[in-house]
Amino acid sequence: MGTASVLNALIEEIPGAELVRGDGETIIQQVEHDSRRVADGFLFVAVPGFTVDGHDFLIEALNAGAAAVVVERGRRGMWRHLPGTQAIVAVPDTRIALAQAAAALHRHPSRELTVIGITGTDGKTTTAYILTAILEVAGARVGRLGTVDAYVSGANFDSRSHRMTTPEAPEVQRLLRAMVDEGCGYAIVEATSHGLALNRLDMVEFDISVLTNLTGDHLDFHESFEAYREAKGKLFSALDRTSERPGGPIRAAVANADDPSASFLLGLTECQAVRYGLDNPNVDVTARDIELHPDGSSFLLALGGAEVGTEIRMPALFNVANALAAAGAAAAVGIEPEVIGRGIAACQGVPGRMERIDMGQPFNVVVDYAHTGDSVRKVLAVLRELADRKLIIVAGAAGERDPGRRFGVGRAVAEGADFAVFTNEDPRGEDPAMIVREIGRHAEEAGLVSDRDFIEVEDRREAIAAALGRAEEGDSVVICGKGHERSIELGGASIPWDDREVTREELAKLGYNGD
């Protein structure tokens, strides 16, 4: 892609940066914050993390071929005696500098795209997929960076095995440059609270921001709902810093008027506000005459003074709301209502989101990504409408994440399921049995009885098999927590895993082979 740059050119774009040793004419091939990935010609940025400090790995980076390093001025004791002659650049904050250097190296690709950022607790990925379909029906070439994949119209080009929170800034900028090089006019970026709070998206110039909803989550990281909301708010305040481009799109903030945080977030920007919703009459985009079906919904899309009939191929009212979010963003960039309606109908769905598994079994099986109390509650409410008989769920909670999720999942299951199998999801460094037992304890506190209403099965495959083995004709089984993911994080290792494939394998063992 020809991303090499002279070090001095990068320094010029990092406020407060100072070359304290070495040659400013050094050629930089890549920006990297992980010393294990450093190679010849790289600029290593020493970022202090939550468990390790990049400054502790400066010598390893230099030995691996780093042409220069970026360090924090306040950590002088960790770098002033570095051996060698490679360039050293001191900055006030290396995390911020990481984003600045990466954007400069890749020549600020977001300035060559119309960038639409989507944030919220739930619905980001679904909204991104629907919006992709709308823009493609309108004839645009689209790039998408999100939880499920990195995508350019027609193909996944950087798919990953596990849950993609917003990647670090060098990867964000590399992927945006790849989208430009592939001829994209639009980039859709899922903006997580972590990515926003940790400056990973600082140098992305957003034209449109979208809020799906905001409920309590990631409080292990943000510590309070207010801090979580403020992190999300960075996407909206960023609109006012986007460079003016002749003939560029009108900048706009799109928000779910049914959500209590909408007014707060819209108040963070001076850009045009686009409000959508199902329950609020004072909106720019809404749905009328909604008909909910087991495999989707049909409705009249009302926006811009027009009403257009359309449908989505995903069940539940919350997916109608996600379609409205996508419609609001599309309208903000000038797509006509009729095209928006056709685009919504063209969306084929989202991998691992209410994905049906059909091997010829006489009961319904669905795999879904739901991994918080609120999302599990929503999935169960949808499936309750469709279930002829019992509703059985496989659910867990991730280790080293907000412990409140275990309470939320246990309570949601107690409210909405007939029987549950609690199991591991991504234990990481925690004891899987302890996590499973904690979820069970919360379920018991909500009135469930062990062995009668739920069982605890630490091994996820055995848990899925147990749920499927209990299902009878007309029942519904939902396997929550992993969705599209293709690995389990356990004890520092990433183990290959796919709920959908495992479910098919276990159904085959029960004698169902798709016939």
Protein backbone atom coordinates (compact mmCIF):
# COMPACT_ATOMS: atom_id res chain seq x y z
CA MET A 1 0.00 0.00 0.00
CA GLY A 2 3.04 2.27 0.09
CA THR A 3 2.57 3.44 3.67
CA ALA A 4 6.23 4.18 4.45
CA SER A 5 6.96 7.64 5.83
CA VAL A 6 9.86 9.70 7.14
CA LEU A 7 9.85 9.86 10.95
CA ASN A 8 9.92 13.68 10.97
CA ALA A 9 6.67 13.74 8.98
CA LEU A 10 4.98 11.63 11.65
CA ILE A 11 6.42 13.74 14.47
CA GLU A 12 4.93 16.87 12.90
CA GLU A 13 1.45 15.37 13.33
CA ILE A 14 1.89 14.50 17.01
CA PRO A 15 1.41 17.63 19.16
CA GLY A 16 4.10 17.91 21.82
CA ALA A 17 6.36 15.29 20.21
CA GLU A 18 10.13 15.78 20.51
CA LEU A 19 12.94 13.85 18.82
CA VAL A 20 15.32 13.32 21.75
CA ARG A 21 17.74 10.97 19.99
CA GLY A 22 18.50 9.72 16.52
CA ASP A 23 17.79 10.65 12.90
CA GLY A 24 14.49 12.26 12.00
CA GLU A 25 14.95 11.12 8.40
CA THR A 26 14.56 7.48 9.47
CA ILE A 27 12.10 5.63 7.20
CA ILE A 28 9.13 4.12 9.05
CA GLN A 29 7.35 1.16 7.46
CA GLN A 30 4.70 0.43 10.09
CA VAL A 31 3.39 1.64 13.45
CA GLU A 32 3.05 -1.00 16.17
CA HIS A 33 2.27 -1.11 19.89
CA ASP A 34 2.91 -4.84 20.49
CA SER A 35 6.63 -5.62 20.72
CA ARG A 36 5.95 -9.21 19.62
CA ARG A 37 4.86 -7.97 16.20
CA VAL A 38 7.71 -5.53 15.61
CA ALA A 39 9.94 -6.07 12.56
CA ASP A 40 12.59 -4.12 10.66
CA GLY A 41 11.63 -0.51 10.02
CA PHE A 42 8.76 -0.39 12.52
CA LEU A 43 7.94 2.49 14.84
CA PHE A 44 7.25 0.98 18.25
CA VAL A 45 4.91 3.02 20.45
CA ALA A 46 5.27 2.11 24.14
CA VAL A 47 1.72 2.23 25.50
CA PRO A 48 1.05 1.66 29.23
CA GLY A 49 -1.63 -1.04 29.50
CA PHE A 50 -3.79 -2.45 32.26
CA THR A 51 -1.49 -5.36 33.05
CA VAL A 52 1.78 -4.55 31.23
CA ASP A 53 3.60 -1.38 30.21
CA GLY A 54 5.01 -1.12 26.70
CA HIS A 55 8.00 0.74 28.15
CA ASP A 56 9.10 -2.54 29.71
CA PHE A 57 9.54 -3.98 26.21
CA LEU A 58 11.55 -1.22 24.56
CA ILE A 59 14.74 -3.29 24.32
CA GLU A 60 12.81 -6.25 22.87
CA ALA A 61 11.34 -3.96 20.23
CA LEU A 62 14.73 -2.52 19.33
CA ASN A 63 16.24 -5.99 19.12
CA ALA A 64 13.40 -7.03 16.80
CA GLY A 65 14.32 -4.29 14.34
CA ALA A 66 12.39 -1.20 15.44
CA ALA A 67 13.75 1.83 13.60
CA ALA A 68 12.42 4.20 16.26
CA VAL A 69 10.42 4.19 19.49
CA VAL A 70 7.85 6.55 20.92
CA VAL A 71 7.90 6.94 24.72
CA GLU A 72 6.13 9.01 27.33
CA ARG A 73 8.06 12.00 28.56
CA GLY A 74 6.95 11.33 32.13
CA ARG A 75 8.53 7.84 32.10
CA ARG A 76 12.02 9.10 31.35
CA GLY A 77 13.60 6.69 33.80
CA MET A 78 12.43 3.78 31.63
CA TRP A 79 14.02 4.98 28.37
CA ARG A 80 16.82 7.49 28.89
CA HIS A 81 19.51 4.79 29.04
CA LEU A 82 18.30 2.72 26.08
CA PRO A 83 21.18 1.12 24.18
CA GLY A 84 21.70 1.61 20.46
CA THR A 85 21.32 4.59 18.17
CA GLN A 86 17.71 4.21 17.01
CA ALA A 87 15.53 7.30 17.19
CA ILE A 88 13.61 8.06 20.37
CA VAL A 89 10.54 10.32 20.27
CA ALA A 90 9.11 11.62 23.57
CA VAL A 91 5.40 12.57 23.74
CA PRO A 92 2.96 13.57 26.46
CA ASP A 93 0.71 10.48 26.00
CA THR A 94 1.71 7.46 23.93
CA ARG A 95 -1.83 6.07 23.58
CA ILE A 96 -2.94 9.29 21.91
CA ALA A 97 0.27 9.39 19.88
CA LEU A 98 -0.36 5.84 18.66
CA ALA A 99 -3.56 6.98 16.94
CA GLN A 100 -1.92 10.13 15.58
CA ALA A 101 1.09 8.32 14.15
CA ALA A 102 -1.01 5.57 12.60
CA ALA A 103 -3.34 8.03 10.88
CA ALA A 104 -0.40 10.03 9.57
CA LEU A 105 1.41 6.92 8.27
CA HIS A 106 -1.71 5.80 6.36
CA ARG A 107 -2.34 9.34 5.05
CA HIS A 108 -5.57 9.94 6.95
CA PRO A 109 -7.80 7.53 5.00
CA SER A 110 -11.02 8.61 6.74
CA ARG A 111 -10.75 11.96 4.92
CA GLU A 112 -11.28 10.09 1.65
CA LEU A 113 -14.40 8.26 2.88
CA THR A 114 -17.84 9.06 4.20
CA VAL A 115 -17.48 7.49 7.64
CA ILE A 116 -20.54 6.35 9.57
CA GLY A 117 -19.92 5.39 13.21
CA ILE A 118 -22.44 3.22 15.05
CA THR A 119 -22.43 2.92 18.84
CA GLY A 120 -24.74 1.46 21.47
CA THR A 121 -24.99 -1.45 23.87
CA ASP A 122 -26.95 -3.67 21.48
CA GLY A 123 -27.71 -3.65 17.77
CA LYS A 124 -24.49 -2.17 16.38
CA THR A 125 -23.69 -5.11 14.14
CA THR A 126 -27.24 -5.63 12.89
CA THR A 127 -27.56 -1.93 12.11
CA ALA A 128 -24.21 -2.01 10.29
CA TYR A 129 -25.29 -4.98 8.15
CA ILE A 130 -28.63 -3.37 7.24
CA LEU A 131 -26.91 -0.07 6.41
CA THR A 132 -24.38 -1.92 4.23
CA ALA A 133 -27.25 -3.47 2.26
CA ILE A 134 -28.94 -0.09 1.81
CA LEU A 135 -25.80 1.62 0.54
CA GLU A 136 -25.02 -1.26 -1.82
CA VAL A 137 -28.53 -1.19 -3.27
CA ALA A 138 -27.93 2.53 -3.82
CA GLY A 139 -24.88 1.59 -5.91
CA ALA A 140 -22.15 2.45 -3.41
CA ARG A 141 -19.03 0.45 -2.61
CA VAL A 142 -18.91 -0.04 1.15
CA GLY A 143 -16.33 -0.99 3.75
CA ARG A 144 -17.38 -2.21 7.18
CA LEU A 145 -15.35 -2.67 10.35
CA GLY A 146 -17.16 -4.41 13.18
CA THR A 147 -17.68 -7.21 15.64
CA VAL A 148 -18.25 -9.97 13.09
CA ASP A 149 -15.81 -9.02 10.34
CA ALA A 150 -13.96 -6.46 8.30
CA TYR A 151 -15.63 -6.25 4.92
CA VAL A 152 -15.44 -4.60 1.53
CA SER A 153 -18.43 -4.92 -0.80
CA GLY A 154 -18.60 -8.52 -1.91
CA ALA A 155 -16.09 -10.13 0.47
CA ASN A 156 -14.77 -10.37 4.03
CA PHE A 157 -11.15 -9.30 3.75
CA ASP A 158 -9.91 -9.42 7.33
CA SER A 159 -12.13 -11.88 9.17
CA ARG A 160 -11.10 -12.86 12.71
CA SER A 161 -11.86 -15.83 14.93
CA HIS A 162 -13.08 -14.00 17.99
CA ARG A 163 -15.13 -11.06 19.09
CA MET A 164 -13.73 -7.90 17.54
CA THR A 165 -14.00 -4.99 19.88
CA THR A 166 -12.69 -1.93 18.12
CA PRO A 167 -9.11 -2.87 17.17
CA GLU A 168 -6.14 -0.69 18.08
CA ALA A 169 -5.57 2.48 16.09
CA PRO A 170 -2.90 1.10 13.68
CA GLU A 171 -5.29 -1.67 12.62
CA VAL A 172 -8.21 0.75 12.29
CA GLN A 173 -6.19 3.05 10.06
CA ARG A 174 -4.77 0.15 8.02
CA LEU A 175 -8.25 -1.20 7.34
CA LEU A 176 -9.62 2.22 6.43
CA ARG A 177 -6.74 2.68 3.97
CA ALA A 178 -7.53 -0.77 2.53
CA MET A 179 -11.13 0.36 2.01
CA VAL A 180 -9.95 3.46 0.14
CA ASP A 181 -7.60 1.35 -1.98
CA GLU A 182 -10.49 -1.00 -2.80
CA GLY A 183 -12.54 1.91 -4.12
CA CYS A 184 -14.98 2.33 -1.24
CA GLY A 185 -16.90 5.55 -0.85
CA TYR A 186 -18.30 4.65 2.57
CA ALA A 187 -16.88 3.13 5.74
CA ILE A 188 -19.21 1.84 8.46
CA VAL A 189 -17.40 1.57 11.79
CA GLU A 190 -18.79 -0.04 14.94
CA ALA A 191 -17.58 2.28 17.70
CA THR A 192 -17.36 0.41 21.01
CA SER A 193 -17.06 2.17 24.33
CA HIS A 194 -13.61 0.62 24.82
CA GLY A 195 -12.44 1.80 21.43
CA LEU A 196 -13.67 5.32 22.08
CA ALA A 197 -12.36 5.58 25.66
CA LEU A 198 -8.94 4.16 24.71
CA ASN A 199 -8.41 6.65 21.86
CA ARG A 200 -8.43 3.96 19.15
CA LEU A 201 -10.81 6.04 17.03
CA ASP A 202 -9.35 9.46 17.83
CA MET A 203 -8.09 10.12 14.32
CA VAL A 204 -11.11 8.77 12.44
CA GLU A 205 -13.08 11.66 10.99
CA PHE A 206 -16.74 10.72 11.33
CA ASP A 207 -19.45 12.22 9.14
CA ILE A 208 -22.44 10.43 10.67
CA SER A 209 -22.84 9.08 14.21
CA VAL A 210 -25.58 6.61 15.17
CA LEU A 211 -26.88 5.55 18.60
CA THR A 212 -28.83 2.29 18.84
CA ASN A 213 -29.48 2.15 22.59
CA LEU A 214 -27.66 2.48 25.90
CA THR A 215 -28.03 0.11 28.84
CA GLY A 216 -25.63 -0.76 31.65
CA ASP A 217 -22.68 -2.84 30.39
CA HIS A 218 -18.88 -2.96 30.60
CA LEU A 219 -19.01 -1.45 34.07
CA ASP A 220 -15.94 -3.54 34.92
CA PHE A 221 -14.08 -1.10 32.66
CA HIS A 222 -16.05 2.14 32.93
CA GLU A 223 -17.06 1.73 36.62
CA SER A 224 -20.25 3.77 36.23
CA PHE A 225 -23.06 4.19 33.73
CA GLU A 226 -22.18 7.88 33.44
CA ALA A 227 -18.61 7.07 32.42
CA TYR A 228 -19.92 4.48 29.95
CA ARG A 229 -22.29 7.05 28.44
CA GLU A 230 -19.52 9.66 28.23
CA ALA A 231 -17.32 7.20 26.36
CA LYS A 232 -20.11 6.61 23.85
CA GLY A 233 -20.55 10.36 23.64
CA LYS A 234 -17.07 10.77 22.17
CA LEU A 235 -18.48 9.53 18.86
CA PHE A 236 -20.97 12.41 18.80
CA SER A 237 -18.61 15.16 19.92
CA ALA A 238 -16.12 13.94 17.28
CA LEU A 239 -18.49 15.10 14.53
CA ASP A 240 -17.63 18.73 15.20
CA ARG A 241 -13.91 18.03 14.64
CA THR A 242 -14.30 16.45 11.20
CA SER A 243 -12.58 18.42 8.46
CA GLU A 244 -14.83 20.32 6.08
CA ARG A 245 -14.70 18.75 2.62
CA PRO A 246 -16.00 20.53 -0.49
CA GLY A 247 -19.04 18.62 -1.67
CA GLY A 248 -18.76 16.26 1.28
CA PRO A 249 -21.76 14.80 3.12
CA ILE A 250 -23.80 16.78 5.57
CA ARG A 251 -22.68 15.75 9.04
CA ALA A 252 -25.47 14.37 11.18
CA ALA A 253 -26.16 12.69 14.53
CA VAL A 254 -28.70 9.87 14.38
CA ALA A 255 -30.20 8.74 17.69
CA ASN A 256 -32.90 6.46 19.05
CA ALA A 257 -35.43 8.87 20.52
CA ASP A 258 -36.91 6.01 22.58
CA ASP A 259 -33.67 5.80 24.57
CA PRO A 260 -33.25 8.11 27.61
CA SER A 261 -29.64 8.91 26.64
CA ALA A 262 -30.53 10.27 23.20
CA SER A 263 -30.89 13.91 24.27
CA PHE A 264 -27.60 13.84 26.18
CA LEU A 265 -25.67 12.47 23.21
CA LEU A 266 -27.34 14.75 20.66
CA GLY A 267 -26.43 17.68 22.89
CA LEU A 268 -22.72 16.92 22.44
CA THR A 269 -22.67 18.07 18.82
CA GLU A 270 -23.87 21.03 16.81
CA CYS A 271 -24.54 18.84 13.79
CA GLN A 272 -27.97 18.11 12.36
CA ALA A 273 -29.99 15.72 14.55
CA VAL A 274 -31.94 12.83 13.04
CA ARG A 275 -34.26 11.12 15.50
CA TYR A 276 -35.83 7.71 14.95
CA GLY A 277 -38.06 5.58 17.14
CA LEU A 278 -41.07 3.39 17.59
CA ASP A 279 -42.65 4.97 20.68
CA ASN A 280 -41.90 8.67 20.25
CA PRO A 281 -44.17 10.70 17.95
CA ASN A 282 -41.61 13.49 17.47
CA VAL A 283 -39.19 11.62 15.23
CA ASP A 284 -37.86 11.91 11.70
CA VAL A 285 -37.91 8.16 10.98
CA THR A 286 -40.41 5.59 12.24
CA ALA A 287 -42.24 2.38 11.31
CA ARG A 288 -46.00 1.96 10.94
CA ASP A 289 -48.29 -1.03 10.42
CA ILE A 290 -45.67 -3.41 11.79
CA GLU A 291 -46.35 -7.11 11.29
CA LEU A 292 -44.08 -9.44 13.25
CA HIS A 293 -43.43 -12.91 11.83
CA PRO A 294 -41.36 -15.87 13.07
CA ASP A 295 -38.63 -15.18 10.51
CA GLY A 296 -38.83 -11.39 10.20
CA SER A 297 -41.10 -8.36 10.07
CA SER A 298 -42.86 -6.19 7.52
CA PHE A 299 -43.73 -2.52 8.01
CA LEU A 300 -44.19 0.88 6.43
CA LEU A 301 -41.01 2.93 6.69
CA ALA A 302 -41.96 6.56 7.24
CA LEU A 303 -39.32 9.23 6.63
CA GLY A 304 -38.90 12.42 4.67
CA GLY A 305 -42.64 12.73 4.14
CA ALA A 306 -42.79 9.36 2.37
CA GLU A 307 -44.03 5.92 3.39
CA VAL A 308 -42.39 2.88 1.83
CA GLY A 309 -43.32 -0.74 2.38
CA THR A 310 -40.39 -2.96 3.37
CA GLU A 311 -39.42 -6.00 5.41
CA ILE A 312 -36.49 -7.38 7.37
CA ARG A 313 -35.44 -11.02 7.52
CA MET A 314 -34.74 -10.97 11.25
CA PRO A 315 -37.47 -11.41 13.86
CA ALA A 316 -38.36 -9.09 16.74
CA LEU A 317 -39.36 -5.50 17.25
CA PHE A 318 -35.84 -4.48 18.29
CA ASN A 319 -34.63 -5.41 14.80
CA VAL A 320 -37.24 -3.07 13.34
CA ALA A 321 -35.63 -0.37 15.50
CA ASN A 322 -32.20 -1.35 14.14
CA ALA A 323 -33.58 -1.00 10.62
CA LEU A 324 -34.79 2.51 11.50
CA ALA A 325 -31.31 3.40 12.77
CA ALA A 326 -29.82 2.31 9.45
CA ALA A 327 -32.54 4.17 7.56
CA GLY A 328 -31.81 7.37 9.49
CA ALA A 329 -28.12 7.18 8.61
CA ALA A 330 -28.90 6.43 4.97
CA ALA A 331 -31.30 9.35 4.77
CA ALA A 332 -28.66 11.62 6.30
CA VAL A 333 -26.28 10.87 3.41
CA GLY A 334 -29.01 11.52 0.85
CA ILE A 335 -30.38 8.07 -0.04
CA GLU A 336 -33.98 8.20 -1.27
CA PRO A 337 -36.71 6.52 0.86
CA GLU A 338 -37.64 4.00 -1.85
CA VAL A 339 -34.01 2.87 -2.15
CA ILE A 340 -33.71 2.63 1.63
CA GLY A 341 -36.76 0.38 1.72
CA ARG A 342 -35.31 -1.92 -0.94
CA GLY A 343 -32.00 -2.00 0.88
CA ILE A 344 -33.56 -3.05 4.18
CA ALA A 345 -35.36 -5.89 2.41
CA ALA A 346 -32.11 -6.96 0.71
CA CYS A 347 -30.25 -7.59 3.97
CA GLN A 348 -29.84 -11.36 4.38
CA GLY A 349 -29.30 -11.26 8.15
CA VAL A 350 -26.27 -11.33 10.43
CA PRO A 351 -24.13 -14.39 11.22
CA GLY A 352 -24.79 -15.62 14.74
CA ARG A 353 -27.73 -13.29 15.34
CA MET A 354 -30.91 -15.34 15.77
CA GLU A 355 -29.38 -17.81 13.31
CA ARG A 356 -31.53 -20.91 12.83
CA ILE A 357 -29.90 -24.34 12.78
CA ASP A 358 -31.99 -26.84 10.82
CA MET A 359 -30.87 -30.46 10.64
CA GLY A 360 -34.38 -31.83 10.22
CA GLN A 361 -35.05 -31.92 13.96
CA PRO A 362 -38.67 -31.52 15.15
CA PHE A 363 -37.80 -28.59 17.41
CA ASN A 364 -36.50 -25.08 16.77
CA VAL A 365 -32.79 -24.35 17.38
CA VAL A 366 -31.30 -20.84 17.30
CA VAL A 367 -27.76 -19.59 17.91
CA ASP A 368 -27.43 -16.00 19.10
CA TYR A 369 -24.70 -13.66 20.30
CA ALA A 370 -26.69 -12.43 23.33
CA HIS A 371 -24.28 -12.27 26.27
CA THR A 372 -25.73 -9.65 28.61
CA GLY A 373 -28.84 -9.80 30.77
CA ASP A 374 -30.67 -7.29 28.60
CA SER A 375 -29.83 -9.02 25.30
CA VAL A 376 -30.68 -12.48 26.70
CA ARG A 377 -34.00 -11.11 27.95
CA LYS A 378 -34.81 -9.72 24.49
CA VAL A 379 -33.95 -12.99 22.72
CA LEU A 380 -36.08 -15.00 25.12
CA ALA A 381 -39.01 -12.61 24.66
CA VAL A 382 -38.84 -13.07 20.89
CA LEU A 383 -38.59 -16.85 21.06
CA ARG A 384 -41.38 -17.05 23.64
CA GLU A 385 -43.70 -15.69 20.98
CA LEU A 386 -42.61 -18.46 18.61
CA ALA A 387 -42.32 -21.41 21.01
CA ASP A 388 -45.11 -23.98 20.82
CA ARG A 389 -43.92 -25.72 23.97
CA LYS A 390 -40.85 -25.40 26.24
CA LEU A 391 -38.17 -22.77 25.78
CA ILE A 392 -34.71 -24.11 26.65
CA ILE A 393 -31.59 -21.94 26.83
CA VAL A 394 -27.85 -22.53 26.98
CA ALA A 395 -26.20 -19.47 28.55
CA GLY A 396 -23.05 -18.37 30.32
CA ALA A 397 -20.99 -15.29 31.10
CA ALA A 398 -17.46 -14.25 30.21
CA GLY A 399 -14.61 -14.25 32.68
CA GLU A 400 -12.64 -11.08 33.43
CA ARG A 401 -15.62 -8.98 32.40
CA ASP A 402 -18.29 -7.12 34.36
CA PRO A 403 -19.48 -9.59 37.06
CA GLY A 404 -22.87 -7.91 36.83
CA ARG A 405 -23.43 -9.82 33.60
CA ARG A 406 -23.71 -13.05 35.64
CA PHE A 407 -26.47 -11.55 37.71
CA GLY A 408 -28.19 -10.18 34.59
CA VAL A 409 -28.02 -13.46 32.67
CA GLY A 410 -29.22 -15.51 35.67
CA ARG A 411 -32.18 -13.20 36.26
CA ALA A 412 -33.08 -12.93 32.57
CA VAL A 413 -33.12 -16.72 32.25
CA ALA A 414 -35.25 -17.03 35.38
CA GLU A 415 -37.79 -14.63 33.91
CA GLY A 416 -37.94 -15.96 30.37
CA ALA A 417 -36.93 -19.63 29.98
CA ASP A 418 -38.55 -22.92 30.97
CA PHE A 419 -35.24 -24.70 31.45
CA ALA A 420 -31.61 -23.59 31.37
CA VAL A 421 -28.18 -25.12 31.00
CA PHE A 422 -25.59 -22.77 32.45
CA THR A 423 -22.11 -23.24 31.01
CA ASN A 424 -18.84 -21.48 30.22
CA GLU A 425 -18.59 -18.78 27.58
CA ASP A 426 -15.08 -17.29 27.63
CA PRO A 427 -13.62 -17.98 31.09
CA ARG A 428 -10.24 -16.44 30.23
CA GLY A 429 -8.18 -16.56 33.45
CA GLU A 430 -11.08 -17.23 35.81
CA ASP A 431 -12.24 -20.61 37.12
CA PRO A 432 -15.01 -21.71 34.70
CA ALA A 433 -16.82 -23.71 37.40
CA MET A 434 -16.99 -20.67 39.68
CA ILE A 435 -18.51 -18.52 36.92
CA VAL A 436 -21.13 -21.14 36.11
CA ARG A 437 -21.98 -21.61 39.77
CA GLU A 438 -22.35 -17.85 40.25
CA ILE A 439 -24.89 -17.63 37.42
CA GLY A 440 -26.77 -20.55 38.95
CA ARG A 441 -26.79 -18.86 42.34
CA HIS A 442 -28.37 -15.73 40.86
CA ALA A 443 -30.97 -17.91 39.15
CA GLU A 444 -31.75 -19.64 42.46
CA GLU A 445 -32.14 -16.26 44.16
CA ALA A 446 -34.73 -15.45 41.47
CA GLY A 447 -36.71 -18.59 42.40
CA LEU A 448 -35.33 -21.33 40.15
CA VAL A 449 -34.52 -24.76 41.56
CA SER A 450 -31.35 -26.62 40.55
CA ASP A 451 -31.94 -29.86 38.60
CA ARG A 452 -35.61 -28.99 38.18
CA ASP A 453 -35.30 -25.64 36.36
CA PHE A 454 -31.63 -25.62 35.42
CA ILE A 455 -28.43 -27.59 35.45
CA GLU A 456 -24.80 -26.50 35.48
CA VAL A 457 -22.50 -28.07 32.86
CA GLU A 458 -19.04 -26.56 32.71
CA ASP A 459 -18.05 -28.04 29.33
CA ARG A 460 -19.80 -26.07 26.58
CA ARG A 461 -20.15 -28.96 24.13
CA GLU A 462 -21.69 -31.14 26.85
CA ALA A 463 -24.01 -28.26 27.75
CA ILE A 464 -25.24 -27.91 24.16
CA ALA A 465 -25.71 -31.68 23.93
CA ALA A 466 -27.67 -31.69 27.19
CA ALA A 467 -30.03 -28.95 25.98
CA LEU A 468 -30.63 -30.62 22.61
CA GLY A 469 -31.14 -33.98 24.29
CA ARG A 470 -33.92 -32.55 26.45
CA ALA A 471 -35.78 -30.94 23.55
CA GLU A 472 -38.99 -32.52 22.34
CA GLU A 473 -41.18 -31.85 19.33
CA GLY A 474 -42.37 -28.24 19.31
CA ASP A 475 -39.76 -27.01 21.82
CA SER A 476 -37.31 -24.19 21.12
CA VAL A 477 -33.63 -24.25 22.07
CA VAL A 478 -31.51 -21.08 22.02
CA ILE A 479 -27.74 -21.22 22.44
CA CYS A 480 -26.54 -17.83 23.61
CA GLY A 481 -23.26 -16.06 24.13
CA LYS A 482 -20.97 -16.89 21.20
CA GLY A 483 -22.95 -16.29 18.01
CA HIS A 484 -20.54 -15.85 15.11
CA GLU A 485 -17.37 -16.32 17.18
CA ARG A 486 -14.94 -19.06 16.26
CA SER A 487 -12.91 -19.46 19.42
CA ILE A 488 -13.22 -19.78 23.20
CA GLU A 489 -10.79 -17.85 25.41
CA LEU A 490 -9.62 -20.16 28.20
CA GLY A 491 -6.59 -19.85 30.46
CA GLY A 492 -4.67 -17.55 28.13
CA ALA A 493 -5.33 -19.74 25.08
CA SER A 494 -7.69 -19.24 22.15
CA ILE A 495 -9.36 -22.58 21.40
CA PRO A 496 -11.10 -23.10 18.02
CA TRP A 497 -14.87 -23.15 18.51
CA ASP A 498 -18.09 -22.45 16.62
CA ASP A 499 -21.46 -22.84 18.37
CA ARG A 500 -23.18 -23.38 15.03
CA GLU A 501 -20.90 -26.22 13.95
CA VAL A 502 -20.94 -27.85 17.39
CA THR A 503 -24.74 -27.67 17.43
CA ARG A 504 -24.92 -29.36 14.03
CA GLU A 505 -22.53 -32.06 15.20
CA GLU A 506 -24.55 -32.74 18.34
CA LEU A 507 -27.80 -32.83 16.37
CA ALA A 508 -26.20 -35.36 14.02
CA LYS A 509 -25.34 -37.52 17.02
CA LEU A 510 -29.05 -37.49 17.90
CA GLY A 511 -29.83 -38.82 14.43
CA TYR A 512 -30.68 -35.60 12.61
CA ASN A 513 -28.68 -35.18 9.41
CA GLY A 514 -30.46 -32.42 7.56
CA ASP A 515 -32.81 -34.66 5.57
